[in-house]
Structure formats: C-alpha cells, structure tokens
C-alpha cells in the first residue's frame, strides 16, 4: 500500500497536493525543514 504524503510546496515531486516521489533517493542538498528531497519546480516561461 503506497503512502500518501500531503505536500503544498513548489516541488517537482508535488502533484495535486500529494508527493509523488516513488522511492527514497539522495538528498537534494537544499531540503526544507520536513523534506530532504525537495527540488523546486522550474518556472514556466509560458506563464506570466
């Protein structure tokens, strides 16, 4: 049974309010206080 981890950060693993990271991996090096895997989503150049 998969874990459901709520997430509201602007992270590449966050989708529709849930973390979609499927497996543990190396720390991002810039973790948030509760998440060592946080990686900021790149800004969409097509949006203003």
PDB file of N, CA and C in Angstrom:
ATOM      1  N   UNK A   1       0.838  -1.175   0.000  1.00  0.00           N
ATOM      2  CA  UNK A   1       0.000   0.000   0.000  1.00  0.00           C
ATOM      3  C   UNK A   1       0.890   1.247   0.000  1.00  0.00           C
ATOM      4  N   UNK A   2       0.719   2.151  -0.967  1.00  0.00           N
ATOM      5  CA  UNK A   2       1.556   3.348  -1.024  1.00  0.00           C
ATOM      6  C   UNK A   2       1.207   4.342   0.084  1.00  0.00           C
ATOM      7  N   UNK A   3       2.213   5.091   0.491  1.00  0.00           N
ATOM      8  CA  UNK A   3       1.990   6.158   1.465  1.00  0.00           C
ATOM      9  C   UNK A   3       1.448   7.383   0.750  1.00  0.00           C
ATOM     10  N   UNK A   4       0.546   8.087   1.389  1.00  0.00           N
ATOM     11  CA  UNK A   4       0.049   9.347   0.841  1.00  0.00           C
ATOM     12  C   UNK A   4       0.612  10.458   1.712  1.00  0.00           C
ATOM     13  N   UNK A   5       1.484  11.262   1.117  1.00  0.00           N
ATOM     14  CA  UNK A   5       2.122  12.350   1.843  1.00  0.00           C
ATOM     15  C   UNK A   5       1.628  13.662   1.247  1.00  0.00           C
ATOM     16  N   UNK A   6       0.890  14.416   2.036  1.00  0.00           N
ATOM     17  CA  UNK A   6       0.396  15.713   1.586  1.00  0.00           C
ATOM     18  C   UNK A   6       1.567  16.669   1.389  1.00  0.00           C
ATOM     19  N   UNK A   7       1.478  17.490   0.353  1.00  0.00           N
ATOM     20  CA  UNK A   7       2.547  18.440   0.048  1.00  0.00           C
ATOM     21  C   UNK A   7       1.950  19.650  -0.654  1.00  0.00           C
ATOM     22  N   UNK A   8       2.341  20.830  -0.194  1.00  0.00           N
ATOM     23  CA  UNK A   8       1.869  22.052  -0.840  1.00  0.00           C
ATOM     24  C   UNK A   8       3.041  22.900  -1.338  1.00  0.00           C
ATOM     25  N   UNK A   9       4.226  22.326  -1.354  1.00  0.00           N
ATOM     26  CA  UNK A   9       5.416  23.060  -1.792  1.00  0.00           C
ATOM     27  C   UNK A   9       5.506  23.100  -3.316  1.00  0.00           C
ATOM     28  N   UNK A  10       6.283  24.047  -3.828  1.00  0.00           N
ATOM     29  CA  UNK A  10       6.527  24.167  -5.263  1.00  0.00           C
ATOM     30  C   UNK A  10       7.669  23.220  -5.630  1.00  0.00           C
ATOM     31  N   UNK A  11       7.392  21.924  -5.536  1.00  0.00           N
ATOM     32  CA  UNK A  11       8.410  20.889  -5.700  1.00  0.00           C
ATOM     33  C   UNK A  11       8.103  20.050  -6.936  1.00  0.00           C
ATOM     34  N   UNK A  12       9.153  19.554  -7.594  1.00  0.00           N
ATOM     35  CA  UNK A  12       8.947  18.741  -8.795  1.00  0.00           C
ATOM     36  C   UNK A  12       8.211  17.444  -8.497  1.00  0.00           C
ATOM     37  N   UNK A  13       8.246  16.994  -7.243  1.00  0.00           N
ATOM     38  CA  UNK A  13       7.555  15.753  -6.881  1.00  0.00           C
ATOM     39  C   UNK A  13       6.109  15.975  -6.448  1.00  0.00           C
ATOM     40  N   UNK A  14       5.690  17.218  -6.263  1.00  0.00           N
ATOM     41  CA  UNK A  14       4.333  17.526  -5.801  1.00  0.00           C
ATOM     42  C   UNK A  14       3.387  17.606  -6.991  1.00  0.00           C
ATOM     43  N   UNK A  15       2.278  16.888  -6.881  1.00  0.00           N
ATOM     44  CA  UNK A  15       1.254  16.921  -7.918  1.00  0.00           C
ATOM     45  C   UNK A  15      -0.107  16.843  -7.250  1.00  0.00           C
ATOM     46  N   UNK A  16      -0.918  17.842  -7.483  1.00  0.00           N
ATOM     47  CA  UNK A  16      -2.272  17.921  -6.921  1.00  0.00           C
ATOM     48  C   UNK A  16      -2.277  17.762  -5.406  1.00  0.00           C
ATOM     49  N   UNK A  17      -1.285  18.366  -4.741  1.00  0.00           N
ATOM     50  CA  UNK A  17      -1.246  18.379  -3.284  1.00  0.00           C
ATOM     51  C   UNK A  17      -0.696  17.129  -2.636  1.00  0.00           C
ATOM     52  N   UNK A  18      -0.108  16.238  -3.434  1.00  0.00           N
ATOM     53  CA  UNK A  18       0.443  14.986  -2.903  1.00  0.00           C
ATOM     54  C   UNK A  18       1.863  14.801  -3.443  1.00  0.00           C
ATOM     55  N   UNK A  19       2.751  14.280  -2.578  1.00  0.00           N
ATOM     56  CA  UNK A  19       4.114  13.972  -3.010  1.00  0.00           C
ATOM     57  C   UNK A  19       4.097  12.694  -3.837  1.00  0.00           C
ATOM     58  N   UNK A  20       4.686  12.750  -5.037  1.00  0.00           N
ATOM     59  CA  UNK A  20       4.702  11.590  -5.926  1.00  0.00           C
ATOM     60  C   UNK A  20       6.068  10.934  -6.044  1.00  0.00           C
ATOM     61  N   UNK A  21       6.975  11.238  -5.112  1.00  0.00           N
ATOM     62  CA  UNK A  21       8.274  10.572  -5.111  1.00  0.00           C
ATOM     63  C   UNK A  21       8.041   9.090  -4.789  1.00  0.00           C
ATOM     64  N   UNK A  22       8.445   8.212  -5.666  1.00  0.00           N
ATOM     65  CA  UNK A  22       8.125   6.783  -5.534  1.00  0.00           C
ATOM     66  C   UNK A  22       9.120   6.000  -4.699  1.00  0.00           C
ATOM     67  N   UNK A  23      10.329   6.513  -4.532  1.00  0.00           N
ATOM     68  CA  UNK A  23      11.347   5.789  -3.784  1.00  0.00           C
ATOM     69  C   UNK A  23      12.314   6.777  -3.142  1.00  0.00           C
ATOM     70  N   UNK A  24      12.979   6.338  -2.098  1.00  0.00           N
ATOM     71  CA  UNK A  24      13.976   7.182  -1.450  1.00  0.00           C
ATOM     72  C   UNK A  24      15.164   7.336  -2.386  1.00  0.00           C
ATOM     73  N   UNK A  25      15.730   8.507  -2.390  1.00  0.00           N
ATOM     74  CA  UNK A  25      16.866   8.798  -3.247  1.00  0.00           C
ATOM     75  C   UNK A  25      17.821   9.679  -2.463  1.00  0.00           C
ATOM     76  N   UNK A  26      18.860  10.179  -3.101  1.00  0.00           N
ATOM     77  CA  UNK A  26      19.796  11.055  -2.421  1.00  0.00           C
ATOM     78  C   UNK A  26      19.114  12.356  -2.039  1.00  0.00           C
ATOM     79  N   UNK A  27      19.556  12.942  -0.949  1.00  0.00           N
ATOM     80  CA  UNK A  27      19.023  14.230  -0.513  1.00  0.00           C
ATOM     81  C   UNK A  27      19.288  15.276  -1.586  1.00  0.00           C
ATOM     82  N   UNK A  28      18.384  16.227  -1.693  1.00  0.00           N
ATOM     83  CA  UNK A  28      18.523  17.279  -2.700  1.00  0.00           C
ATOM     84  C   UNK A  28      19.640  18.253  -2.371  1.00  0.00           C
ATOM     85  N   UNK A  29      20.085  18.290  -1.129  1.00  0.00           N
ATOM     86  CA  UNK A  29      21.116  19.239  -0.727  1.00  0.00           C
ATOM     87  C   UNK A  29      20.533  20.574  -0.306  1.00  0.00           C
ATOM     88  N   UNK A  30      19.280  20.835  -0.659  1.00  0.00           N
ATOM     89  CA  UNK A  30      18.587  22.064  -0.253  1.00  0.00           C
ATOM     90  C   UNK A  30      17.225  21.697   0.315  1.00  0.00           C
ATOM     91  N   UNK A  31      17.206  20.870   1.339  1.00  0.00           N
ATOM     92  CA  UNK A  31      15.919  20.403   1.865  1.00  0.00           C
ATOM     93  C   UNK A  31      15.167  21.471   2.629  1.00  0.00           C
ATOM     94  N   UNK A  32      13.873  21.303   2.675  1.00  0.00           N
ATOM     95  CA  UNK A  32      13.042  22.103   3.558  1.00  0.00           C
ATOM     96  C   UNK A  32      13.099  21.449   4.923  1.00  0.00           C
ATOM     97  N   UNK A  33      12.515  22.085   5.917  1.00  0.00           N
ATOM     98  CA  UNK A  33      12.611  21.549   7.280  1.00  0.00           C
ATOM     99  C   UNK A  33      12.052  20.140   7.413  1.00  0.00           C
ATOM    100  N   UNK A  34      11.037  19.779   6.632  1.00  0.00           N
ATOM    101  CA  UNK A  34      10.410  18.462   6.758  1.00  0.00           C
ATOM    102  C   UNK A  34      10.682  17.534   5.577  1.00  0.00           C
ATOM    103  N   UNK A  35      11.441  17.987   4.586  1.00  0.00           N
ATOM    104  CA  UNK A  35      11.604  17.164   3.383  1.00  0.00           C
ATOM    105  C   UNK A  35      13.024  17.250   2.823  1.00  0.00           C
ATOM    106  N   UNK A  36      13.793  16.177   2.925  1.00  0.00           N
ATOM    107  CA  UNK A  36      15.161  16.200   2.385  1.00  0.00           C
ATOM    108  C   UNK A  36      15.215  16.053   0.865  1.00  0.00           C
ATOM    109  N   UNK A  37      14.072  15.810   0.211  1.00  0.00           N
ATOM    110  CA  UNK A  37      14.053  15.563  -1.236  1.00  0.00           C
ATOM    111  C   UNK A  37      13.485  16.723  -2.046  1.00  0.00           C
ATOM    112  N   UNK A  38      13.223  17.852  -1.397  1.00  0.00           N
ATOM    113  CA  UNK A  38      12.631  19.000  -2.084  1.00  0.00           C
ATOM    114  C   UNK A  38      13.522  19.475  -3.223  1.00  0.00           C
ATOM    115  N   UNK A  39      12.917  19.625  -4.390  1.00  0.00           N
ATOM    116  CA  UNK A  39      13.554  20.243  -5.556  1.00  0.00           C
ATOM    117  C   UNK A  39      12.531  21.190  -6.157  1.00  0.00           C
ATOM    118  N   UNK A  40      12.876  22.463  -6.218  1.00  0.00           N
ATOM    119  CA  UNK A  40      11.929  23.462  -6.707  1.00  0.00           C
ATOM    120  C   UNK A  40      11.602  23.245  -8.173  1.00  0.00           C
ATOM    121  N   UNK A  41      10.303  23.395  -8.498  1.00  0.00           N
ATOM    122  CA  UNK A  41       9.867  23.298  -9.891  1.00  0.00           C
ATOM    123  C   UNK A  41      10.425  24.489 -10.657  1.00  0.00           C
ATOM    124  N   UNK A  42      10.898  24.261 -11.878  1.00  0.00           N
ATOM    125  CA  UNK A  42      11.340  25.398 -12.692  1.00  0.00           C
ATOM    126  C   UNK A  42      10.150  26.274 -13.058  1.00  0.00           C
ATOM    127  N   UNK A  43      10.400  27.563 -13.191  1.00  0.00           N
ATOM    128  CA  UNK A  43       9.329  28.478 -13.564  1.00  0.00           C
ATOM    129  C   UNK A  43       8.931  28.235 -15.008  1.00  0.00           C
ATOM    130  N   UNK A  44       7.621  28.226 -15.246  1.00  0.00           N
ATOM    131  CA  UNK A  44       7.081  28.032 -16.593  1.00  0.00           C
ATOM    132  C   UNK A  44       7.251  29.340 -17.358  1.00  0.00           C
ATOM    133  N   UNK A  45       8.071  29.317 -18.400  1.00  0.00           N
ATOM    134  CA  UNK A  45       8.351  30.531 -19.163  1.00  0.00           C
ATOM    135  C   UNK A  45       7.146  30.992 -19.983  1.00  0.00           C
ATOM    136  N   UNK A  46       6.169  30.101 -20.190  1.00  0.00           N
ATOM    137  CA  UNK A  46       4.996  30.461 -20.981  1.00  0.00           C
ATOM    138  C   UNK A  46       3.919  31.166 -20.158  1.00  0.00           C
ATOM    139  N   UNK A  47       4.064  31.173 -18.833  1.00  0.00           N
ATOM    140  CA  UNK A  47       3.089  31.841 -17.969  1.00  0.00           C
ATOM    141  C   UNK A  47       3.602  33.209 -17.587  1.00  0.00           C
ATOM    142  N   UNK A  48       2.683  34.140 -17.350  1.00  0.00           N
ATOM    143  CA  UNK A  48       3.111  35.467 -16.915  1.00  0.00           C
ATOM    144  C   UNK A  48       2.843  35.670 -15.455  1.00  0.00           C
TER     145      UNK A  48
END
